[in-house]
Amino acid sequence: MIRSETSSVPHRATFTNGAVQAAADVPEAKGGRGNGFGPHELVEAALATCLAITCEMYAEKHAIPLESVAVEVRLDRGSPPDVLLIYTLEFRGTLSDDQRSALRSAASRCPVQKTLTGGLVCRAEE
């Protein structure tokens, strides 16, 4: 669970999982100070980090010599009502084509991707 709270700084909120805290803000052009991640950036970050960790865990389990993985995620809201999360994966290490393909396949099963594409519903709890 994440808890978020606004502060005396306009359009800035901190959030915590109880152990770690970070901040979200909006750009100066939208009335904030730009001193934190934007809310949409946090959605991109959730997917990017899950993709990276999923690949790393898969490589470890299958003895694939993955040195690191870099992931970029971009949220594209240019065709309403559709929203696209477009990502790229960059694998580092001496990997075969089959290993790269297996890592791409593992990435497609990332839990956050499944959550975001699985009929997500948001509702307020009474």
Protein backbone atom coordinates (compact mmCIF):
# COMPACT_ATOMS: atom_id res chain seq x y z
CA MET A 1 0.00 0.00 0.00
CA ILE A 2 1.16 3.52 -0.77
CA ARG A 3 0.10 6.54 1.26
CA SER A 4 0.37 10.01 -0.28
CA GLU A 5 -0.06 13.39 1.36
CA THR A 6 0.09 16.94 0.07
CA SER A 7 2.33 19.53 1.67
CA SER A 8 2.52 23.29 1.99
CA VAL A 9 4.29 23.37 -1.39
CA PRO A 10 1.65 23.76 -4.12
CA HIS A 11 1.00 20.65 -6.25
CA ARG A 12 3.63 18.55 -4.45
CA ALA A 13 2.90 15.34 -2.61
CA THR A 14 5.07 12.90 -0.76
CA PHE A 15 4.36 9.21 -0.85
CA THR A 16 5.55 6.29 1.22
CA ASN A 17 5.22 2.56 1.54
CA GLY A 18 6.02 2.89 5.25
CA ALA A 19 9.73 2.28 4.77
CA VAL A 20 10.78 4.56 1.91
CA GLN A 21 9.53 8.04 1.00
CA ALA A 22 9.66 9.99 -2.29
CA ALA A 23 8.01 13.05 -3.79
CA ALA A 24 5.77 13.79 -6.72
CA ASP A 25 5.39 17.25 -8.20
CA VAL A 26 4.21 18.88 -11.38
CA PRO A 27 6.34 21.03 -13.69
CA GLU A 28 6.63 24.76 -13.09
CA ALA A 29 4.57 25.37 -16.23
CA LYS A 30 1.65 23.67 -14.50
CA GLY A 31 2.03 25.48 -11.16
CA GLY A 32 4.44 23.16 -9.37
CA ARG A 33 8.13 23.42 -8.71
CA GLY A 34 9.23 20.35 -10.66
CA ASN A 35 10.99 18.90 -7.61
CA GLY A 36 9.69 15.36 -7.89
CA PHE A 37 8.44 12.78 -10.29
CA GLY A 38 5.26 13.65 -12.16
CA PRO A 39 2.38 11.25 -11.53
CA HIS A 40 2.52 9.91 -15.10
CA GLU A 41 6.27 9.43 -14.72
CA LEU A 42 5.54 7.21 -11.73
CA VAL A 43 3.35 5.00 -13.93
CA GLU A 44 6.22 4.81 -16.44
CA ALA A 45 8.66 4.06 -13.60
CA ALA A 46 6.47 1.27 -12.23
CA LEU A 47 6.49 -0.48 -15.59
CA ALA A 48 10.18 0.21 -16.33
CA THR A 49 11.41 -1.10 -13.00
CA CYS A 50 9.19 -4.17 -13.13
CA LEU A 51 10.37 -5.02 -16.65
CA ALA A 52 14.01 -4.65 -15.60
CA ILE A 53 13.62 -6.73 -12.43
CA THR A 54 11.59 -9.41 -14.25
CA CYS A 55 14.36 -9.81 -16.84
CA GLU A 56 17.03 -9.90 -14.16
CA MET A 57 15.19 -12.56 -12.17
CA TYR A 58 14.55 -14.66 -15.28
CA ALA A 59 18.21 -14.46 -16.28
CA GLU A 60 19.31 -15.51 -12.80
CA LYS A 61 16.90 -18.46 -12.72
CA HIS A 62 17.97 -19.69 -16.17
CA ALA A 63 21.72 -18.98 -15.84
CA ILE A 64 21.67 -16.38 -18.62
CA PRO A 65 24.79 -14.18 -18.42
CA LEU A 66 22.86 -10.91 -18.30
CA GLU A 67 25.08 -8.14 -16.95
CA SER A 68 22.32 -5.53 -16.81
CA VAL A 69 19.17 -4.42 -18.53
CA ALA A 70 18.14 -0.86 -19.35
CA VAL A 71 14.48 -0.08 -19.93
CA GLU A 72 12.86 3.07 -21.28
CA VAL A 73 9.11 3.58 -21.02
CA ARG A 74 7.12 6.35 -22.63
CA LEU A 75 3.45 7.03 -22.01
CA ASP A 76 1.70 8.16 -25.19
CA ARG A 77 -1.74 9.76 -24.81
CA GLY A 78 -1.76 11.09 -28.38
CA SER A 79 -4.71 9.01 -29.60
CA PRO A 80 -7.50 9.41 -27.03
CA PRO A 81 -9.12 7.42 -25.57
CA ASP A 82 -6.25 4.96 -26.12
CA VAL A 83 -3.19 5.26 -23.92
CA LEU A 84 -0.03 3.45 -24.93
CA LEU A 85 2.94 2.51 -22.78
CA ILE A 86 5.79 1.99 -25.22
CA TYR A 87 8.99 0.42 -23.97
CA THR A 88 12.44 -0.55 -25.18
CA LEU A 89 14.73 -3.12 -23.63
CA GLU A 90 18.52 -3.01 -23.86
CA PHE A 91 20.30 -6.14 -22.66
CA ARG A 92 23.98 -6.01 -21.73
CA GLY A 93 26.13 -9.08 -21.65
CA THR A 94 27.34 -11.75 -24.02
CA LEU A 95 23.97 -13.17 -24.97
CA SER A 96 22.80 -15.40 -27.79
CA ASP A 97 19.83 -14.47 -29.94
CA ASP A 98 17.83 -17.20 -28.18
CA GLN A 99 18.70 -15.77 -24.77
CA ARG A 100 17.68 -12.27 -25.87
CA SER A 101 14.42 -13.65 -27.21
CA ALA A 102 13.77 -15.51 -23.94
CA LEU A 103 14.39 -12.32 -21.96
CA ARG A 104 11.96 -10.36 -24.18
CA SER A 105 9.37 -13.07 -23.65
CA ALA A 106 9.92 -12.97 -19.88
CA ALA A 107 9.53 -9.18 -19.92
CA SER A 108 6.12 -9.53 -21.57
CA ARG A 109 4.98 -11.40 -18.45
CA CYS A 110 6.02 -8.64 -16.04
CA PRO A 111 3.43 -8.37 -13.20
CA VAL A 112 2.98 -4.60 -13.53
CA GLN A 113 2.33 -4.94 -17.26
CA LYS A 114 -0.29 -7.60 -16.49
CA THR A 115 -1.88 -5.29 -13.92
CA LEU A 116 -1.98 -2.30 -16.27
CA THR A 117 -3.42 -4.26 -19.18
CA GLY A 118 -5.81 -6.53 -17.28
CA GLY A 119 -9.00 -4.54 -16.96
CA LEU A 120 -7.77 -2.18 -14.27
CA VAL A 121 -10.54 -0.46 -12.31
CA CYS A 122 -10.05 2.42 -9.87
CA ARG A 123 -12.64 3.09 -7.17
CA ALA A 124 -12.80 5.03 -3.96
CA GLU A 125 -13.20 2.99 -0.81
CA GLU A 126 -16.00 4.17 1.44
